[in-house]
Amino acid sequence: MWAEQAVSLAEAVEIYTIRGARALRLDDRFGSIEPGNLIILEENIFEIPVEQVSETTIRQTYFEGQLVYQRH
């Protein structure tokens, strides 16, 4: 990949979430943070070097307001 083809971290997050859901025509159900649905990461991916983003782990996942995953 050439430097002029690179995307920002914010663009990459959008591509992997809402744009991916749109491509599959599932954006009415997936791909964006909605009230009651979110993940909590070990690190703020916008405050660490981009090379470390892939090492960040999910601490908790909430779906429809309920905790459905918690890292032990």
PDB file of N, CA and C in Angstrom:
ATOM      1  N   MET A   1       0.838  -1.166   0.000  1.00  0.00           N
ATOM      2  CA  MET A   1       0.000   0.000   0.000  1.00  0.00           C
ATOM      3  C   MET A   1       0.891   1.240   0.000  1.00  0.00           C
ATOM      4  N   TRP A   2       0.562   2.193  -0.820  1.00  0.00           N
ATOM      5  CA  TRP A   2       1.289   3.448  -0.849  1.00  0.00           C
ATOM      6  C   TRP A   2       0.721   4.401   0.179  1.00  0.00           C
ATOM      7  N   ALA A   3       1.538   5.338   0.615  1.00  0.00           N
ATOM      8  CA  ALA A   3       1.121   6.282   1.661  1.00  0.00           C
ATOM      9  C   ALA A   3      -0.166   7.010   1.299  1.00  0.00           C
ATOM     10  N   GLU A   4      -0.322   7.363   0.042  1.00  0.00           N
ATOM     11  CA  GLU A   4      -1.534   8.093  -0.380  1.00  0.00           C
ATOM     12  C   GLU A   4      -2.785   7.204  -0.367  1.00  0.00           C
ATOM     13  N   GLN A   5      -2.614   5.901  -0.197  1.00  0.00           N
ATOM     14  CA  GLN A   5      -3.754   4.978  -0.116  1.00  0.00           C
ATOM     15  C   GLN A   5      -4.158   4.681   1.323  1.00  0.00           C
ATOM     16  N   ALA A   6      -3.381   5.151   2.272  1.00  0.00           N
ATOM     17  CA  ALA A   6      -3.651   4.863   3.682  1.00  0.00           C
ATOM     18  C   ALA A   6      -4.929   5.559   4.142  1.00  0.00           C
ATOM     19  N   VAL A   7      -5.587   4.961   5.114  1.00  0.00           N
ATOM     20  CA  VAL A   7      -6.767   5.571   5.720  1.00  0.00           C
ATOM     21  C   VAL A   7      -6.452   5.853   7.187  1.00  0.00           C
ATOM     22  N   SER A   8      -7.149   6.809   7.747  1.00  0.00           N
ATOM     23  CA  SER A   8      -6.950   7.130   9.165  1.00  0.00           C
ATOM     24  C   SER A   8      -7.571   6.034  10.025  1.00  0.00           C
ATOM     25  N   LEU A   9      -7.249   6.042  11.297  1.00  0.00           N
ATOM     26  CA  LEU A   9      -7.832   5.077  12.216  1.00  0.00           C
ATOM     27  C   LEU A   9      -9.344   5.242  12.277  1.00  0.00           C
ATOM     28  N   ALA A  10      -9.817   6.475  12.334  1.00  0.00           N
ATOM     29  CA  ALA A  10     -11.263   6.720  12.371  1.00  0.00           C
ATOM     30  C   ALA A  10     -11.946   6.164  11.116  1.00  0.00           C
ATOM     31  N   GLU A  11     -11.311   6.340   9.952  1.00  0.00           N
ATOM     32  CA  GLU A  11     -11.872   5.785   8.720  1.00  0.00           C
ATOM     33  C   GLU A  11     -11.871   4.261   8.752  1.00  0.00           C
ATOM     34  N   ALA A  12     -10.813   3.671   9.285  1.00  0.00           N
ATOM     35  CA  ALA A  12     -10.727   2.214   9.368  1.00  0.00           C
ATOM     36  C   ALA A  12     -11.828   1.654  10.267  1.00  0.00           C
ATOM     37  N   VAL A  13     -12.082   2.307  11.395  1.00  0.00           N
ATOM     38  CA  VAL A  13     -13.154   1.863  12.292  1.00  0.00           C
ATOM     39  C   VAL A  13     -14.496   1.933  11.568  1.00  0.00           C
ATOM     40  N   GLU A  14     -14.721   3.020  10.850  1.00  0.00           N
ATOM     41  CA  GLU A  14     -15.979   3.164  10.097  1.00  0.00           C
ATOM     42  C   GLU A  14     -16.108   2.094   9.014  1.00  0.00           C
ATOM     43  N   ILE A  15     -15.024   1.792   8.316  1.00  0.00           N
ATOM     44  CA  ILE A  15     -15.043   0.778   7.260  1.00  0.00           C
ATOM     45  C   ILE A  15     -15.398  -0.589   7.831  1.00  0.00           C
ATOM     46  N   TYR A  16     -14.842  -0.918   8.986  1.00  0.00           N
ATOM     47  CA  TYR A  16     -15.083  -2.236   9.590  1.00  0.00           C
ATOM     48  C   TYR A  16     -16.412  -2.338  10.322  1.00  0.00           C
ATOM     49  N   THR A  17     -17.079  -1.210  10.548  1.00  0.00           N
ATOM     50  CA  THR A  17     -18.341  -1.255  11.291  1.00  0.00           C
ATOM     51  C   THR A  17     -19.508  -0.916  10.361  1.00  0.00           C
ATOM     52  N   ILE A  18     -19.866   0.332  10.279  1.00  0.00           N
ATOM     53  CA  ILE A  18     -21.072   0.710   9.545  1.00  0.00           C
ATOM     54  C   ILE A  18     -20.957   0.466   8.042  1.00  0.00           C
ATOM     55  N   ARG A  19     -19.801   0.727   7.461  1.00  0.00           N
ATOM     56  CA  ARG A  19     -19.687   0.482   6.013  1.00  0.00           C
ATOM     57  C   ARG A  19     -19.769  -0.997   5.681  1.00  0.00           C
ATOM     58  N   GLY A  20     -19.184  -1.835   6.538  1.00  0.00           N
ATOM     59  CA  GLY A  20     -19.290  -3.284   6.335  1.00  0.00           C
ATOM     60  C   GLY A  20     -20.730  -3.749   6.432  1.00  0.00           C
ATOM     61  N   ALA A  21     -21.440  -3.216   7.418  1.00  0.00           N
ATOM     62  CA  ALA A  21     -22.857  -3.574   7.580  1.00  0.00           C
ATOM     63  C   ALA A  21     -23.676  -3.088   6.393  1.00  0.00           C
ATOM     64  N   ARG A  22     -23.366  -1.895   5.901  1.00  0.00           N
ATOM     65  CA  ARG A  22     -24.086  -1.375   4.719  1.00  0.00           C
ATOM     66  C   ARG A  22     -23.841  -2.258   3.501  1.00  0.00           C
ATOM     67  N   ALA A  23     -22.602  -2.701   3.334  1.00  0.00           N
ATOM     68  CA  ALA A  23     -22.268  -3.543   2.185  1.00  0.00           C
ATOM     69  C   ALA A  23     -23.068  -4.845   2.206  1.00  0.00           C
ATOM     70  N   LEU A  24     -23.374  -5.325   3.399  1.00  0.00           N
ATOM     71  CA  LEU A  24     -24.152  -6.559   3.546  1.00  0.00           C
ATOM     72  C   LEU A  24     -25.649  -6.291   3.695  1.00  0.00           C
ATOM     73  N   ARG A  25     -26.008  -5.016   3.587  1.00  0.00           N
ATOM     74  CA  ARG A  25     -27.400  -4.573   3.767  1.00  0.00           C
ATOM     75  C   ARG A  25     -27.954  -4.962   5.135  1.00  0.00           C
ATOM     76  N   LEU A  26     -27.091  -4.853   6.132  1.00  0.00           N
ATOM     77  CA  LEU A  26     -27.478  -5.161   7.507  1.00  0.00           C
ATOM     78  C   LEU A  26     -27.357  -3.937   8.418  1.00  0.00           C
ATOM     79  N   ASP A  27     -27.195  -2.762   7.809  1.00  0.00           N
ATOM     80  CA  ASP A  27     -26.955  -1.565   8.610  1.00  0.00           C
ATOM     81  C   ASP A  27     -28.159  -1.127   9.437  1.00  0.00           C
ATOM     82  N   ASP A  28     -29.314  -1.745   9.222  1.00  0.00           N
ATOM     83  CA  ASP A  28     -30.458  -1.455  10.089  1.00  0.00           C
ATOM     84  C   ASP A  28     -30.351  -2.200  11.415  1.00  0.00           C
ATOM     85  N   ARG A  29     -29.420  -3.171  11.493  1.00  0.00           N
ATOM     86  CA  ARG A  29     -29.258  -3.962  12.712  1.00  0.00           C
ATOM     87  C   ARG A  29     -27.844  -3.960  13.273  1.00  0.00           C
ATOM     88  N   PHE A  30     -26.845  -3.754  12.416  1.00  0.00           N
ATOM     89  CA  PHE A  30     -25.451  -3.867  12.833  1.00  0.00           C
ATOM     90  C   PHE A  30     -24.630  -2.686  12.349  1.00  0.00           C
ATOM     91  N   GLY A  31     -23.448  -2.538  12.935  1.00  0.00           N
ATOM     92  CA  GLY A  31     -22.465  -1.620  12.395  1.00  0.00           C
ATOM     93  C   GLY A  31     -22.333  -0.286  13.083  1.00  0.00           C
ATOM     94  N   SER A  32     -23.224   0.047  13.995  1.00  0.00           N
ATOM     95  CA  SER A  32     -23.099   1.324  14.687  1.00  0.00           C
ATOM     96  C   SER A  32     -23.473   1.151  16.153  1.00  0.00           C
ATOM     97  N   ILE A  33     -23.018   2.084  16.953  1.00  0.00           N
ATOM     98  CA  ILE A  33     -23.350   2.055  18.371  1.00  0.00           C
ATOM     99  C   ILE A  33     -24.743   2.631  18.544  1.00  0.00           C
ATOM    100  N   GLU A  34     -25.592   1.860  19.133  1.00  0.00           N
ATOM    101  CA  GLU A  34     -26.969   2.275  19.400  1.00  0.00           C
ATOM    102  C   GLU A  34     -27.168   2.286  20.912  1.00  0.00           C
ATOM    103  N   PRO A  35     -28.181   2.996  21.382  1.00  0.00           N
ATOM    104  CA  PRO A  35     -28.430   3.002  22.821  1.00  0.00           C
ATOM    105  C   PRO A  35     -28.528   1.571  23.368  1.00  0.00           C
ATOM    106  N   GLY A  36     -27.711   1.290  24.382  1.00  0.00           N
ATOM    107  CA  GLY A  36     -27.726  -0.027  25.012  1.00  0.00           C
ATOM    108  C   GLY A  36     -26.755  -1.024  24.430  1.00  0.00           C
ATOM    109  N   ASN A  37     -26.107  -0.695  23.302  1.00  0.00           N
ATOM    110  CA  ASN A  37     -25.163  -1.615  22.661  1.00  0.00           C
ATOM    111  C   ASN A  37     -23.800  -0.944  22.550  1.00  0.00           C
ATOM    112  N   LEU A  38     -22.797  -1.529  23.188  1.00  0.00           N
ATOM    113  CA  LEU A  38     -21.461  -0.971  23.078  1.00  0.00           C
ATOM    114  C   LEU A  38     -20.425  -1.963  23.575  1.00  0.00           C
ATOM    115  N   ILE A  39     -19.172  -1.665  23.255  1.00  0.00           N
ATOM    116  CA  ILE A  39     -18.055  -2.445  23.778  1.00  0.00           C
ATOM    117  C   ILE A  39     -17.144  -1.501  24.548  1.00  0.00           C
ATOM    118  N   ILE A  40     -16.480  -2.043  25.543  1.00  0.00           N
ATOM    119  CA  ILE A  40     -15.489  -1.292  26.306  1.00  0.00           C
ATOM    120  C   ILE A  40     -14.156  -1.966  26.061  1.00  0.00           C
ATOM    121  N   LEU A  41     -13.209  -1.198  25.549  1.00  0.00           N
ATOM    122  CA  LEU A  41     -11.891  -1.723  25.210  1.00  0.00           C
ATOM    123  C   LEU A  41     -10.906  -1.497  26.345  1.00  0.00           C
ATOM    124  N   GLU A  42      -9.841  -2.293  26.354  1.00  0.00           N
ATOM    125  CA  GLU A  42      -8.775  -2.170  27.343  1.00  0.00           C
ATOM    126  C   GLU A  42      -8.068  -0.816  27.227  1.00  0.00           C
ATOM    127  N   GLU A  43      -7.941  -0.314  26.019  1.00  0.00           N
ATOM    128  CA  GLU A  43      -7.260   0.953  25.746  1.00  0.00           C
ATOM    129  C   GLU A  43      -8.139   1.821  24.864  1.00  0.00           C
ATOM    130  N   ASN A  44      -7.932   3.130  24.925  1.00  0.00           N
ATOM    131  CA  ASN A  44      -8.571   4.043  23.977  1.00  0.00           C
ATOM    132  C   ASN A  44      -7.749   3.970  22.699  1.00  0.00           C
ATOM    133  N   ILE A  45      -8.292   3.374  21.661  1.00  0.00           N
ATOM    134  CA  ILE A  45      -7.510   3.131  20.439  1.00  0.00           C
ATOM    135  C   ILE A  45      -7.093   4.423  19.738  1.00  0.00           C
ATOM    136  N   PHE A  46      -7.703   5.533  20.101  1.00  0.00           N
ATOM    137  CA  PHE A  46      -7.324   6.811  19.492  1.00  0.00           C
ATOM    138  C   PHE A  46      -6.224   7.511  20.278  1.00  0.00           C
ATOM    139  N   GLU A  47      -5.780   6.909  21.386  1.00  0.00           N
ATOM    140  CA  GLU A  47      -4.736   7.509  22.209  1.00  0.00           C
ATOM    141  C   GLU A  47      -3.471   6.665  22.289  1.00  0.00           C
ATOM    142  N   ILE A  48      -3.442   5.554  21.573  1.00  0.00           N
ATOM    143  CA  ILE A  48      -2.251   4.698  21.563  1.00  0.00           C
ATOM    144  C   ILE A  48      -1.680   4.665  20.147  1.00  0.00           C
ATOM    145  N   PRO A  49      -0.427   4.267  20.001  1.00  0.00           N
ATOM    146  CA  PRO A  49       0.133   4.154  18.647  1.00  0.00           C
ATOM    147  C   PRO A  49      -0.695   3.180  17.806  1.00  0.00           C
ATOM    148  N   VAL A  50      -0.914   3.534  16.563  1.00  0.00           N
ATOM    149  CA  VAL A  50      -1.759   2.721  15.681  1.00  0.00           C
ATOM    150  C   VAL A  50      -1.241   1.291  15.566  1.00  0.00           C
ATOM    151  N   GLU A  51       0.055   1.093  15.733  1.00  0.00           N
ATOM    152  CA  GLU A  51       0.635  -0.242  15.664  1.00  0.00           C
ATOM    153  C   GLU A  51       0.158  -1.129  16.811  1.00  0.00           C
ATOM    154  N   GLN A  52      -0.361  -0.559  17.892  1.00  0.00           N
ATOM    155  CA  GLN A  52      -0.802  -1.323  19.051  1.00  0.00           C
ATOM    156  C   GLN A  52      -2.313  -1.581  19.065  1.00  0.00           C
ATOM    157  N   VAL A  53      -3.040  -1.013  18.130  1.00  0.00           N
ATOM    158  CA  VAL A  53      -4.494  -1.156  18.113  1.00  0.00           C
ATOM    159  C   VAL A  53      -4.905  -2.623  18.034  1.00  0.00           C
ATOM    160  N   SER A  54      -4.245  -3.402  17.238  1.00  0.00           N
ATOM    161  CA  SER A  54      -4.637  -4.810  17.078  1.00  0.00           C
ATOM    162  C   SER A  54      -4.404  -5.628  18.348  1.00  0.00           C
ATOM    163  N   GLU A  55      -3.637  -5.114  19.286  1.00  0.00           N
ATOM    164  CA  GLU A  55      -3.366  -5.811  20.540  1.00  0.00           C
ATOM    165  C   GLU A  55      -4.383  -5.465  21.627  1.00  0.00           C
ATOM    166  N   THR A  56      -5.225  -4.483  21.368  1.00  0.00           N
ATOM    167  CA  THR A  56      -6.213  -4.050  22.347  1.00  0.00           C
ATOM    168  C   THR A  56      -7.295  -5.109  22.496  1.00  0.00           C
ATOM    169  N   THR A  57      -7.675  -5.393  23.728  1.00  0.00           N
ATOM    170  CA  THR A  57      -8.676  -6.420  23.983  1.00  0.00           C
ATOM    171  C   THR A  57      -9.996  -5.797  24.437  1.00  0.00           C
ATOM    172  N   ILE A  58     -11.051  -6.547  24.252  1.00  0.00           N
ATOM    173  CA  ILE A  58     -12.379  -6.118  24.693  1.00  0.00           C
ATOM    174  C   ILE A  58     -12.530  -6.493  26.156  1.00  0.00           C
ATOM    175  N   ARG A  59     -12.922  -5.523  26.995  1.00  0.00           N
ATOM    176  CA  ARG A  59     -13.147  -5.785  28.423  1.00  0.00           C
ATOM    177  C   ARG A  59     -14.587  -6.182  28.699  1.00  0.00           C
ATOM    178  N   GLN A  60     -15.527  -5.476  28.049  1.00  0.00           N
ATOM    179  CA  GLN A  60     -16.941  -5.773  28.256  1.00  0.00           C
ATOM    180  C   GLN A  60     -17.715  -5.509  26.971  1.00  0.00           C
ATOM    181  N   THR A  61     -18.809  -6.245  26.806  1.00  0.00           N
ATOM    182  CA  THR A  61     -19.741  -6.029  25.704  1.00  0.00           C
ATOM    183  C   THR A  61     -21.147  -5.950  26.281  1.00  0.00           C
ATOM    184  N   TYR A  62     -21.867  -4.916  25.882  1.00  0.00           N
ATOM    185  CA  TYR A  62     -23.267  -4.745  26.281  1.00  0.00           C
ATOM    186  C   TYR A  62     -24.148  -4.857  25.046  1.00  0.00           C
ATOM    187  N   PHE A  63     -25.227  -5.592  25.167  1.00  0.00           N
ATOM    188  CA  PHE A  63     -26.193  -5.737  24.085  1.00  0.00           C
ATOM    189  C   PHE A  63     -27.574  -5.511  24.673  1.00  0.00           C
ATOM    190  N   GLU A  64     -28.292  -4.583  24.090  1.00  0.00           N
ATOM    191  CA  GLU A  64     -29.623  -4.205  24.575  1.00  0.00           C
ATOM    192  C   GLU A  64     -29.596  -3.896  26.072  1.00  0.00           C
ATOM    193  N   GLY A  65     -28.510  -3.202  26.492  1.00  0.00           N
ATOM    194  CA  GLY A  65     -28.386  -2.763  27.874  1.00  0.00           C
ATOM    195  C   GLY A  65     -27.927  -3.815  28.864  1.00  0.00           C
ATOM    196  N   GLN A  66     -27.721  -5.028  28.414  1.00  0.00           N
ATOM    197  CA  GLN A  66     -27.312  -6.125  29.286  1.00  0.00           C
ATOM    198  C   GLN A  66     -25.853  -6.496  29.030  1.00  0.00           C
ATOM    199  N   LEU A  67     -25.116  -6.714  30.100  1.00  0.00           N
ATOM    200  CA  LEU A  67     -23.752  -7.181  29.990  1.00  0.00           C
ATOM    201  C   LEU A  67     -23.770  -8.610  29.447  1.00  0.00           C
ATOM    202  N   VAL A  68     -23.170  -8.818  28.270  1.00  0.00           N
ATOM    203  CA  VAL A  68     -23.175 -10.151  27.664  1.00  0.00           C
ATOM    204  C   VAL A  68     -21.774 -10.774  27.605  1.00  0.00           C
ATOM    205  N   TYR A  69     -20.748  -9.963  27.865  1.00  0.00           N
ATOM    206  CA  TYR A  69     -19.381 -10.494  27.897  1.00  0.00           C
ATOM    207  C   TYR A  69     -18.569  -9.648  28.859  1.00  0.00           C
ATOM    208  N   GLN A  70     -17.775 -10.305  29.664  1.00  0.00           N
ATOM    209  CA  GLN A  70     -16.826  -9.619  30.531  1.00  0.00           C
ATOM    210  C   GLN A  70     -15.558 -10.434  30.601  1.00  0.00           C
ATOM    211  N   ARG A  71     -14.451  -9.794  30.303  1.00  0.00           N
ATOM    212  CA  ARG A  71     -13.150 -10.465  30.351  1.00  0.00           C
ATOM    213  C   ARG A  71     -12.767 -10.687  31.807  1.00  0.00           C
ATOM    214  N   HIS A  72     -12.303 -11.875  32.101  1.00  0.00           N
ATOM    215  CA  HIS A  72     -11.915 -12.202  33.477  1.00  0.00           C
ATOM    216  C   HIS A  72     -10.420 -12.141  33.637  1.00  0.00           C
TER     217      HIS A  72
END
